[in-house]
């Protein structure tokens, strides 16, 4: 029932896509399961899907493969959890959004704008002493951008957490049996 990519056996960063019924309290139960197992969640993103009755929770965590298998088995037992897939990084499109407020005055503004241009990101707010930058992309790209901007002084930072879908024409929700979800 759960896909375990061979490339991720062992320790490391794992991304889970969890389809759940769109009901109150489901997120708390999913996050609570990770907390009870003492696993730190690196990022957590929840959103509606193409179906009104289903939400998708995307969880990234650094976990050993064997304990992760146990967490997945326990997630499958939770009420209102419909489908869990560990996403294979080689067959997944994953993105994050970050807003970065960076110190930018008359002396360094052109340098910061050069970095913005290099990374093909955009400035969404301008102040005489700062720029707010919006960037979307893979985690590695955003980490590299933050590394360069850190030299100028990051005033404030907010990062959305990963969202991910598998490549190809099929939706994960197609694998959910329609009778298990109210509505459709």
N, C-alpha and C. Protein backbone atom coordinates (compact mmCIF):
# COMPACT_ATOMS: atom_id res chain seq x y z
N UNK A 1 0.81 -1.20 0.00
CA UNK A 1 0.00 0.00 0.00
C UNK A 1 0.86 1.27 0.00
N UNK A 2 2.07 1.19 0.56
CA UNK A 2 2.95 2.36 0.64
C UNK A 2 4.14 2.12 -0.28
N UNK A 3 4.53 3.13 -1.01
CA UNK A 3 5.69 3.03 -1.89
C UNK A 3 6.94 3.41 -1.12
N UNK A 4 7.95 2.54 -1.08
CA UNK A 4 9.21 2.83 -0.42
C UNK A 4 10.30 2.91 -1.46
N UNK A 5 10.73 4.12 -1.84
CA UNK A 5 11.78 4.22 -2.85
C UNK A 5 13.07 3.59 -2.35
N UNK A 6 13.65 2.73 -3.16
CA UNK A 6 14.90 2.06 -2.82
C UNK A 6 16.00 3.08 -2.57
N UNK A 7 15.98 4.19 -3.29
CA UNK A 7 17.05 5.20 -3.17
C UNK A 7 17.06 5.87 -1.81
N UNK A 8 15.98 5.74 -1.02
CA UNK A 8 15.93 6.43 0.26
C UNK A 8 16.09 5.48 1.44
N UNK A 9 16.40 4.21 1.19
CA UNK A 9 16.58 3.30 2.30
C UNK A 9 17.78 3.76 3.10
N UNK A 10 17.63 3.83 4.40
CA UNK A 10 18.66 4.36 5.28
C UNK A 10 18.17 5.66 5.88
N UNK A 11 19.10 6.46 6.37
CA UNK A 11 18.70 7.71 6.98
C UNK A 11 18.70 8.82 5.94
N UNK A 12 18.07 9.91 6.29
CA UNK A 12 18.07 11.06 5.41
C UNK A 12 16.72 11.74 5.39
N UNK A 13 16.60 12.68 4.50
CA UNK A 13 15.38 13.46 4.38
C UNK A 13 14.36 12.66 3.58
N UNK A 14 13.18 12.56 4.13
CA UNK A 14 12.08 11.84 3.47
C UNK A 14 10.90 12.79 3.34
N UNK A 15 10.19 12.68 2.23
CA UNK A 15 9.00 13.48 2.00
C UNK A 15 7.81 12.54 1.88
N UNK A 16 6.81 12.79 2.71
CA UNK A 16 5.58 12.00 2.67
C UNK A 16 4.44 12.86 2.16
N UNK A 17 3.64 12.28 1.30
CA UNK A 17 2.41 12.91 0.86
C UNK A 17 1.27 12.12 1.49
N UNK A 18 0.48 12.78 2.31
CA UNK A 18 -0.58 12.11 3.06
C UNK A 18 -1.92 12.70 2.63
N UNK A 19 -2.75 11.87 2.03
CA UNK A 19 -4.10 12.32 1.68
C UNK A 19 -5.02 11.98 2.83
N UNK A 20 -5.79 12.99 3.23
CA UNK A 20 -6.69 12.82 4.37
C UNK A 20 -8.07 13.38 4.02
N UNK A 21 -9.07 12.90 4.75
CA UNK A 21 -10.39 13.49 4.60
C UNK A 21 -10.31 14.92 5.12
N UNK A 22 -10.98 15.82 4.46
CA UNK A 22 -10.96 17.24 4.81
C UNK A 22 -11.86 17.45 6.03
N UNK A 23 -11.31 17.17 7.22
CA UNK A 23 -12.06 17.25 8.48
C UNK A 23 -11.21 17.92 9.56
N UNK A 24 -11.86 18.57 10.51
CA UNK A 24 -11.12 19.20 11.62
C UNK A 24 -10.37 18.15 12.45
N UNK A 25 -9.18 18.51 12.92
CA UNK A 25 -8.42 17.67 13.83
C UNK A 25 -7.49 16.66 13.19
N UNK A 26 -7.60 16.44 11.89
CA UNK A 26 -6.77 15.43 11.23
C UNK A 26 -5.29 15.85 11.26
N UNK A 27 -5.01 17.11 10.98
CA UNK A 27 -3.63 17.59 11.01
C UNK A 27 -3.01 17.40 12.39
N UNK A 28 -3.75 17.72 13.42
CA UNK A 28 -3.23 17.57 14.79
C UNK A 28 -2.87 16.11 15.08
N UNK A 29 -3.70 15.18 14.62
CA UNK A 29 -3.41 13.76 14.85
C UNK A 29 -2.17 13.31 14.09
N UNK A 30 -2.01 13.78 12.84
CA UNK A 30 -0.84 13.41 12.04
C UNK A 30 0.44 13.98 12.68
N UNK A 31 0.44 15.27 12.99
CA UNK A 31 1.62 15.90 13.59
C UNK A 31 1.90 15.30 14.96
N UNK A 32 0.87 14.99 15.72
CA UNK A 32 1.04 14.39 17.04
C UNK A 32 1.72 13.04 16.97
N UNK A 33 1.44 12.28 15.93
CA UNK A 33 2.09 10.98 15.78
C UNK A 33 3.60 11.14 15.62
N UNK A 34 4.02 12.13 14.83
CA UNK A 34 5.46 12.40 14.69
C UNK A 34 6.06 12.83 16.03
N UNK A 35 5.34 13.68 16.75
CA UNK A 35 5.84 14.16 18.05
C UNK A 35 5.98 13.03 19.05
N UNK A 36 5.00 12.12 19.10
CA UNK A 36 5.07 11.00 20.03
C UNK A 36 6.25 10.08 19.73
N UNK A 37 6.65 10.02 18.47
CA UNK A 37 7.80 9.20 18.09
C UNK A 37 9.11 9.98 18.18
N UNK A 38 9.04 11.24 18.63
CA UNK A 38 10.21 12.12 18.80
C UNK A 38 10.92 12.40 17.49
N UNK A 39 10.16 12.52 16.40
CA UNK A 39 10.72 12.91 15.11
C UNK A 39 10.44 14.38 14.88
N UNK A 40 11.47 15.12 14.50
CA UNK A 40 11.29 16.52 14.19
C UNK A 40 10.83 16.67 12.74
N UNK A 41 9.75 17.38 12.55
CA UNK A 41 9.25 17.66 11.21
C UNK A 41 10.01 18.87 10.68
N UNK A 42 10.67 18.72 9.53
CA UNK A 42 11.39 19.84 8.91
C UNK A 42 10.44 20.83 8.28
N UNK A 43 9.43 20.32 7.58
CA UNK A 43 8.42 21.20 7.01
C UNK A 43 7.10 20.46 6.93
N UNK A 44 6.04 21.26 6.99
CA UNK A 44 4.69 20.72 6.99
C UNK A 44 3.82 21.68 6.19
N UNK A 45 3.14 21.15 5.21
CA UNK A 45 2.27 21.97 4.39
C UNK A 45 0.95 21.25 4.21
N UNK A 46 -0.14 21.96 4.38
CA UNK A 46 -1.47 21.38 4.25
C UNK A 46 -2.28 22.24 3.30
N UNK A 47 -3.00 21.58 2.40
CA UNK A 47 -3.82 22.35 1.47
C UNK A 47 -4.92 21.47 0.89
N UNK A 48 -5.95 22.10 0.35
CA UNK A 48 -6.98 21.34 -0.35
C UNK A 48 -6.38 20.72 -1.62
N UNK A 49 -7.06 19.73 -2.16
CA UNK A 49 -6.64 19.11 -3.41
C UNK A 49 -7.66 19.43 -4.49
N UNK A 50 -7.56 18.74 -5.60
CA UNK A 50 -8.52 18.92 -6.69
C UNK A 50 -9.90 18.39 -6.30
N UNK A 51 -9.99 17.67 -5.19
CA UNK A 51 -11.26 17.17 -4.67
C UNK A 51 -11.59 17.92 -3.38
N UNK A 52 -12.80 18.43 -3.28
CA UNK A 52 -13.22 19.21 -2.11
C UNK A 52 -13.17 18.42 -0.81
N UNK A 53 -13.32 17.11 -0.89
CA UNK A 53 -13.41 16.28 0.30
C UNK A 53 -12.06 15.73 0.77
N UNK A 54 -10.98 16.08 0.06
CA UNK A 54 -9.65 15.55 0.39
C UNK A 54 -8.66 16.71 0.54
N UNK A 55 -7.82 16.62 1.58
CA UNK A 55 -6.70 17.55 1.75
C UNK A 55 -5.40 16.76 1.63
N UNK A 56 -4.32 17.47 1.28
CA UNK A 56 -3.00 16.84 1.19
C UNK A 56 -2.10 17.46 2.24
N UNK A 57 -1.46 16.59 3.00
CA UNK A 57 -0.46 17.02 3.97
C UNK A 57 0.88 16.57 3.41
N UNK A 58 1.80 17.51 3.22
CA UNK A 58 3.15 17.18 2.78
C UNK A 58 4.07 17.38 3.98
N UNK A 59 4.76 16.30 4.37
CA UNK A 59 5.62 16.31 5.55
C UNK A 59 7.03 15.95 5.11
N UNK A 60 8.02 16.75 5.51
CA UNK A 60 9.41 16.36 5.31
C UNK A 60 10.06 16.22 6.68
N UNK A 61 10.86 15.16 6.81
CA UNK A 61 11.53 14.90 8.08
C UNK A 61 12.80 14.11 7.82
N UNK A 62 13.79 14.30 8.69
CA UNK A 62 15.01 13.50 8.67
C UNK A 62 14.79 12.33 9.61
N UNK A 63 14.64 11.15 9.03
CA UNK A 63 14.27 9.96 9.78
C UNK A 63 15.01 8.76 9.20
N UNK A 64 15.37 7.82 10.06
CA UNK A 64 15.89 6.53 9.59
C UNK A 64 14.76 5.80 8.88
N UNK A 65 15.09 4.94 7.92
CA UNK A 65 14.08 4.24 7.13
C UNK A 65 13.20 3.32 7.96
N UNK A 66 13.77 2.57 8.90
CA UNK A 66 12.98 1.61 9.68
C UNK A 66 11.97 2.31 10.58
N UNK A 67 12.37 3.34 11.38
CA UNK A 67 11.35 4.05 12.16
C UNK A 67 10.31 4.74 11.27
N UNK A 68 10.73 5.21 10.09
CA UNK A 68 9.78 5.85 9.18
C UNK A 68 8.72 4.84 8.75
N UNK A 69 9.14 3.63 8.49
CA UNK A 69 8.19 2.58 8.11
C UNK A 69 7.15 2.39 9.21
N UNK A 70 7.59 2.43 10.46
CA UNK A 70 6.67 2.29 11.59
C UNK A 70 5.70 3.47 11.67
N UNK A 71 6.22 4.69 11.43
CA UNK A 71 5.36 5.88 11.44
C UNK A 71 4.30 5.76 10.34
N UNK A 72 4.70 5.31 9.17
CA UNK A 72 3.75 5.16 8.06
C UNK A 72 2.67 4.14 8.42
N UNK A 73 3.06 3.04 9.02
CA UNK A 73 2.07 2.03 9.44
C UNK A 73 1.10 2.62 10.44
N UNK A 74 1.61 3.43 11.39
CA UNK A 74 0.73 4.06 12.38
C UNK A 74 -0.16 5.12 11.75
N UNK A 75 0.38 5.87 10.78
CA UNK A 75 -0.44 6.85 10.06
C UNK A 75 -1.59 6.17 9.35
N UNK A 76 -1.32 5.02 8.74
CA UNK A 76 -2.36 4.28 8.03
C UNK A 76 -3.50 3.87 8.95
N UNK A 77 -3.25 3.76 10.24
CA UNK A 77 -4.28 3.36 11.20
C UNK A 77 -5.12 4.53 11.69
N UNK A 78 -4.65 5.76 11.43
CA UNK A 78 -5.40 6.93 11.91
C UNK A 78 -6.71 7.10 11.16
N UNK A 79 -7.72 7.50 11.90
CA UNK A 79 -9.01 7.80 11.32
C UNK A 79 -8.87 8.95 10.33
N UNK A 80 -9.50 8.86 9.20
CA UNK A 80 -9.57 9.88 8.16
C UNK A 80 -8.30 9.98 7.30
N UNK A 81 -7.30 9.13 7.52
CA UNK A 81 -6.13 9.08 6.63
C UNK A 81 -6.47 8.12 5.51
N UNK A 82 -6.35 8.60 4.26
CA UNK A 82 -6.78 7.82 3.10
C UNK A 82 -5.63 7.15 2.36
N UNK A 83 -4.50 7.84 2.23
CA UNK A 83 -3.39 7.32 1.42
C UNK A 83 -2.11 8.00 1.87
N UNK A 84 -1.03 7.21 1.94
CA UNK A 84 0.28 7.75 2.29
C UNK A 84 1.27 7.24 1.26
N UNK A 85 2.05 8.16 0.71
CA UNK A 85 3.08 7.78 -0.25
C UNK A 85 4.36 8.50 0.13
N UNK A 86 5.45 7.74 0.23
CA UNK A 86 6.76 8.36 0.37
C UNK A 86 7.20 8.73 -1.04
N UNK A 87 7.46 10.00 -1.25
CA UNK A 87 7.77 10.49 -2.59
C UNK A 87 9.24 10.24 -2.94
N UNK A 88 9.45 9.69 -4.10
CA UNK A 88 10.78 9.43 -4.63
C UNK A 88 11.32 10.75 -5.20
N UNK A 89 12.43 11.27 -4.68
CA UNK A 89 12.93 12.56 -5.15
C UNK A 89 13.24 12.59 -6.65
N UNK A 90 13.55 11.44 -7.23
CA UNK A 90 13.85 11.39 -8.66
C UNK A 90 12.60 11.46 -9.53
N UNK A 91 11.43 11.27 -8.93
CA UNK A 91 10.18 11.26 -9.69
C UNK A 91 9.17 12.25 -9.12
N UNK A 92 9.68 13.34 -8.53
CA UNK A 92 8.84 14.30 -7.84
C UNK A 92 9.24 15.73 -8.19
N UNK A 93 8.23 16.57 -8.34
CA UNK A 93 8.46 18.02 -8.46
C UNK A 93 8.14 18.60 -7.09
N UNK A 94 9.15 19.22 -6.47
CA UNK A 94 8.99 19.76 -5.12
C UNK A 94 9.40 21.23 -5.13
N UNK A 95 8.60 22.07 -4.50
CA UNK A 95 8.89 23.50 -4.44
C UNK A 95 8.55 24.06 -3.07
N UNK A 96 9.20 25.18 -2.76
CA UNK A 96 8.92 25.96 -1.55
C UNK A 96 8.81 27.42 -1.95
N UNK A 97 8.19 28.18 -1.09
CA UNK A 97 8.11 29.63 -1.24
C UNK A 97 8.81 30.24 -0.04
N UNK A 98 9.59 31.29 -0.29
CA UNK A 98 10.25 32.00 0.80
C UNK A 98 10.10 33.50 0.56
N UNK A 99 9.83 34.23 1.64
CA UNK A 99 9.86 35.69 1.63
C UNK A 99 11.02 36.10 2.52
N UNK A 100 11.91 36.94 1.97
CA UNK A 100 13.12 37.34 2.67
C UNK A 100 13.18 38.86 2.71
N UNK A 101 13.23 39.42 3.91
CA UNK A 101 13.45 40.86 4.06
C UNK A 101 14.94 41.03 4.35
N UNK A 102 15.63 41.67 3.44
CA UNK A 102 17.08 41.80 3.55
C UNK A 102 17.46 43.28 3.65
N UNK A 103 18.46 43.56 4.46
CA UNK A 103 18.95 44.93 4.58
C UNK A 103 19.53 45.37 3.23
N UNK A 104 19.04 46.49 2.74
CA UNK A 104 19.53 47.01 1.46
C UNK A 104 19.43 48.53 1.50
N UNK A 105 20.59 49.15 1.60
CA UNK A 105 20.63 50.61 1.62
C UNK A 105 21.28 51.11 0.33
N UNK A 106 21.60 52.39 0.27
CA UNK A 106 22.19 52.97 -0.95
C UNK A 106 23.50 52.29 -1.33
N UNK A 107 24.27 51.86 -0.35
CA UNK A 107 25.59 51.27 -0.63
C UNK A 107 25.51 49.85 -1.20
N UNK A 108 24.56 49.05 -0.73
CA UNK A 108 24.57 47.65 -1.17
C UNK A 108 23.35 47.22 -1.99
N UNK A 109 22.42 48.14 -2.22
CA UNK A 109 21.18 47.79 -2.92
C UNK A 109 21.44 47.19 -4.30
N UNK A 110 22.37 47.74 -5.05
CA UNK A 110 22.63 47.21 -6.40
C UNK A 110 23.21 45.79 -6.33
N UNK A 111 24.00 45.50 -5.30
CA UNK A 111 24.53 44.13 -5.13
C UNK A 111 23.41 43.14 -4.84
N UNK A 112 22.49 43.53 -3.96
CA UNK A 112 21.36 42.66 -3.64
C UNK A 112 20.48 42.46 -4.88
N UNK A 113 20.26 43.52 -5.63
CA UNK A 113 19.45 43.40 -6.85
C UNK A 113 20.12 42.50 -7.89
N UNK A 114 21.43 42.48 -7.91
CA UNK A 114 22.16 41.59 -8.82
C UNK A 114 21.92 40.12 -8.44
N UNK A 115 21.88 39.84 -7.16
CA UNK A 115 21.58 38.47 -6.69
C UNK A 115 20.14 38.10 -7.07
N UNK A 116 19.22 39.04 -6.90
CA UNK A 116 17.83 38.82 -7.28
C UNK A 116 17.74 38.45 -8.76
N UNK A 117 18.46 39.19 -9.57
CA UNK A 117 18.46 38.93 -11.02
C UNK A 117 19.10 37.57 -11.33
N UNK A 118 20.20 37.27 -10.69
CA UNK A 118 20.90 36.00 -10.91
C UNK A 118 20.02 34.80 -10.61
N UNK A 119 19.23 34.87 -9.53
CA UNK A 119 18.38 33.76 -9.12
C UNK A 119 16.99 33.79 -9.77
N UNK A 120 16.73 34.79 -10.56
CA UNK A 120 15.44 34.95 -11.24
C UNK A 120 14.28 34.93 -10.25
N UNK A 121 14.46 35.69 -9.17
CA UNK A 121 13.41 35.86 -8.17
C UNK A 121 12.95 37.30 -8.25
N UNK A 122 12.01 37.70 -7.41
CA UNK A 122 11.50 39.06 -7.57
C UNK A 122 11.40 39.82 -6.26
N UNK A 123 11.53 41.11 -6.40
CA UNK A 123 11.37 42.03 -5.28
C UNK A 123 9.89 42.37 -5.19
N UNK A 124 9.30 42.18 -4.00
CA UNK A 124 7.88 42.45 -3.82
C UNK A 124 7.60 43.67 -2.94
N UNK A 125 8.66 44.20 -2.29
CA UNK A 125 8.50 45.40 -1.49
C UNK A 125 9.84 46.11 -1.40
N UNK A 126 9.78 47.43 -1.54
CA UNK A 126 11.00 48.25 -1.49
C UNK A 126 10.84 49.29 -0.39
N UNK A 127 11.87 49.41 0.44
CA UNK A 127 11.94 50.40 1.50
C UNK A 127 13.34 51.01 1.41
N UNK A 128 13.54 52.24 1.85
CA UNK A 128 14.88 52.83 1.76
C UNK A 128 15.97 52.02 2.46
N UNK A 129 15.60 51.19 3.44
CA UNK A 129 16.61 50.43 4.17
C UNK A 129 16.50 48.91 3.97
N UNK A 130 15.53 48.46 3.14
CA UNK A 130 15.38 47.02 2.94
C UNK A 130 14.67 46.70 1.64
N UNK A 131 14.82 45.44 1.23
CA UNK A 131 14.07 44.88 0.11
C UNK A 131 13.42 43.59 0.61
N UNK A 132 12.20 43.35 0.18
CA UNK A 132 11.56 42.06 0.47
C UNK A 132 11.52 41.29 -0.83
N UNK A 133 12.06 40.08 -0.78
CA UNK A 133 12.25 39.25 -1.96
C UNK A 133 11.36 38.02 -1.84
N UNK A 134 10.72 37.67 -2.95
CA UNK A 134 9.92 36.46 -3.04
C UNK A 134 10.65 35.48 -3.94
N UNK A 135 10.83 34.25 -3.46
CA UNK A 135 11.50 33.23 -4.26
C UNK A 135 10.75 31.92 -4.15
N UNK A 136 10.66 31.22 -5.26
CA UNK A 136 10.03 29.91 -5.31
C UNK A 136 11.00 28.95 -5.97
N UNK A 137 11.10 27.75 -5.44
CA UNK A 137 11.97 26.77 -6.07
C UNK A 137 12.26 25.60 -5.18
N UNK A 138 13.18 24.78 -5.64
CA UNK A 138 13.63 23.63 -4.85
C UNK A 138 14.39 24.14 -3.64
N UNK A 139 14.40 23.33 -2.60
CA UNK A 139 15.04 23.72 -1.35
C UNK A 139 16.50 24.12 -1.51
N UNK A 140 17.24 23.41 -2.34
CA UNK A 140 18.66 23.72 -2.55
C UNK A 140 18.87 25.10 -3.16
N UNK A 141 18.02 25.47 -4.11
CA UNK A 141 18.11 26.80 -4.72
C UNK A 141 17.85 27.88 -3.67
N UNK A 142 16.83 27.66 -2.84
CA UNK A 142 16.50 28.66 -1.83
C UNK A 142 17.59 28.75 -0.78
N UNK A 143 18.19 27.61 -0.43
CA UNK A 143 19.31 27.63 0.52
C UNK A 143 20.49 28.43 -0.03
N UNK A 144 20.77 28.26 -1.32
CA UNK A 144 21.88 29.00 -1.95
C UNK A 144 21.59 30.50 -1.96
N UNK A 145 20.35 30.87 -2.29
CA UNK A 145 19.96 32.28 -2.28
C UNK A 145 20.12 32.87 -0.88
N UNK A 146 19.63 32.14 0.12
CA UNK A 146 19.75 32.63 1.50
C UNK A 146 21.21 32.76 1.92
N UNK A 147 22.04 31.86 1.48
CA UNK A 147 23.46 31.93 1.80
C UNK A 147 24.10 33.21 1.28
N UNK A 148 23.74 33.61 0.07
CA UNK A 148 24.30 34.85 -0.49
C UNK A 148 23.71 36.09 0.18
N UNK A 149 22.41 36.06 0.44
CA UNK A 149 21.77 37.23 1.04
C UNK A 149 22.14 37.42 2.50
N UNK A 150 22.56 36.35 3.15
CA UNK A 150 22.95 36.42 4.55
C UNK A 150 24.10 37.41 4.76
N UNK A 151 24.95 37.56 3.77
CA UNK A 151 26.07 38.50 3.85
C UNK A 151 25.62 39.95 3.99
N UNK A 152 24.39 40.24 3.56
CA UNK A 152 23.88 41.62 3.61
C UNK A 152 23.01 41.86 4.84
N UNK A 153 22.63 40.80 5.52
CA UNK A 153 21.81 40.92 6.71
C UNK A 153 20.35 40.60 6.45
N UNK A 154 19.96 39.40 6.80
CA UNK A 154 18.56 39.02 6.67
C UNK A 154 17.83 39.53 7.90
N UNK A 155 16.86 40.40 7.68
CA UNK A 155 16.09 41.02 8.76
C UNK A 155 14.97 40.09 9.20
N UNK A 156 14.30 39.48 8.22
CA UNK A 156 13.17 38.61 8.52
C UNK A 156 13.05 37.58 7.41
N UNK A 157 12.56 36.40 7.79
CA UNK A 157 12.47 35.30 6.84
C UNK A 157 11.26 34.45 7.17
N UNK A 158 10.51 34.07 6.15
CA UNK A 158 9.42 33.10 6.33
C UNK A 158 9.45 32.15 5.14
N UNK A 159 9.39 30.85 5.46
CA UNK A 159 9.50 29.81 4.44
C UNK A 159 8.28 28.90 4.54
N UNK A 160 7.68 28.59 3.40
CA UNK A 160 6.40 27.89 3.39
C UNK A 160 6.48 26.43 3.77
N UNK A 161 7.57 25.78 3.52
CA UNK A 161 7.62 24.33 3.61
C UNK A 161 7.37 23.75 2.23
N UNK A 162 7.78 22.53 2.05
CA UNK A 162 7.71 21.90 0.73
C UNK A 162 6.28 21.50 0.37
N UNK A 163 5.98 21.66 -0.90
CA UNK A 163 4.81 21.03 -1.51
C UNK A 163 5.36 20.21 -2.67
N UNK A 164 4.73 19.07 -2.94
CA UNK A 164 5.30 18.18 -3.94
C UNK A 164 4.21 17.36 -4.63
N UNK A 165 4.45 17.05 -5.89
CA UNK A 165 3.61 16.13 -6.66
C UNK A 165 4.52 15.21 -7.46
N UNK A 166 4.01 14.03 -7.75
CA UNK A 166 4.79 13.12 -8.59
C UNK A 166 4.70 13.58 -10.03
N UNK A 167 5.71 13.24 -10.79
CA UNK A 167 5.73 13.59 -12.21
C UNK A 167 4.73 12.71 -12.95
N UNK A 168 4.25 13.21 -14.07
CA UNK A 168 3.36 12.42 -14.91
C UNK A 168 1.91 12.85 -14.81
N UNK A 169 1.04 12.18 -15.55
CA UNK A 169 -0.36 12.63 -15.69
C UNK A 169 -1.31 12.17 -14.58
N UNK A 170 -0.89 11.30 -13.69
CA UNK A 170 -1.81 10.74 -12.70
C UNK A 170 -1.80 11.53 -11.39
N UNK A 171 -2.95 11.59 -10.75
CA UNK A 171 -3.08 12.26 -9.46
C UNK A 171 -3.06 11.22 -8.35
N UNK A 172 -2.48 11.56 -7.24
CA UNK A 172 -2.43 10.67 -6.09
C UNK A 172 -3.85 10.32 -5.62
N UNK A 173 -4.76 11.27 -5.73
CA UNK A 173 -6.14 11.05 -5.27
C UNK A 173 -6.88 10.03 -6.13
N UNK A 174 -6.37 9.73 -7.33
CA UNK A 174 -7.00 8.70 -8.16
C UNK A 174 -6.88 7.33 -7.49
N UNK A 175 -5.91 7.18 -6.61
CA UNK A 175 -5.68 5.90 -5.94
C UNK A 175 -6.56 5.73 -4.72
N UNK A 176 -7.33 6.76 -4.37
CA UNK A 176 -8.22 6.68 -3.21
C UNK A 176 -9.55 6.13 -3.68
N UNK A 177 -10.01 5.11 -3.00
CA UNK A 177 -11.30 4.51 -3.33
C UNK A 177 -12.39 5.51 -2.99
N UNK A 178 -13.22 5.83 -3.95
CA UNK A 178 -14.26 6.85 -3.77
C UNK A 178 -15.21 6.57 -2.63
N UNK A 179 -15.46 5.31 -2.31
CA UNK A 179 -16.44 4.99 -1.28
C UNK A 179 -15.92 5.31 0.12
N UNK A 180 -14.61 5.52 0.30
CA UNK A 180 -14.09 5.80 1.63
C UNK A 180 -14.23 7.26 2.01
N UNK A 181 -14.55 8.09 1.04
CA UNK A 181 -14.66 9.52 1.29
C UNK A 181 -16.09 9.93 1.03
N UNK A 182 -16.64 10.72 1.94
CA UNK A 182 -17.99 11.21 1.75
C UNK A 182 -18.01 12.20 0.62
N UNK A 183 -19.12 12.33 -0.04
CA UNK A 183 -19.21 13.29 -1.16
C UNK A 183 -19.24 12.56 -2.47
N UNK A 184 -18.23 12.72 -3.26
CA UNK A 184 -18.15 12.19 -4.62
C UNK A 184 -18.44 10.74 -4.71
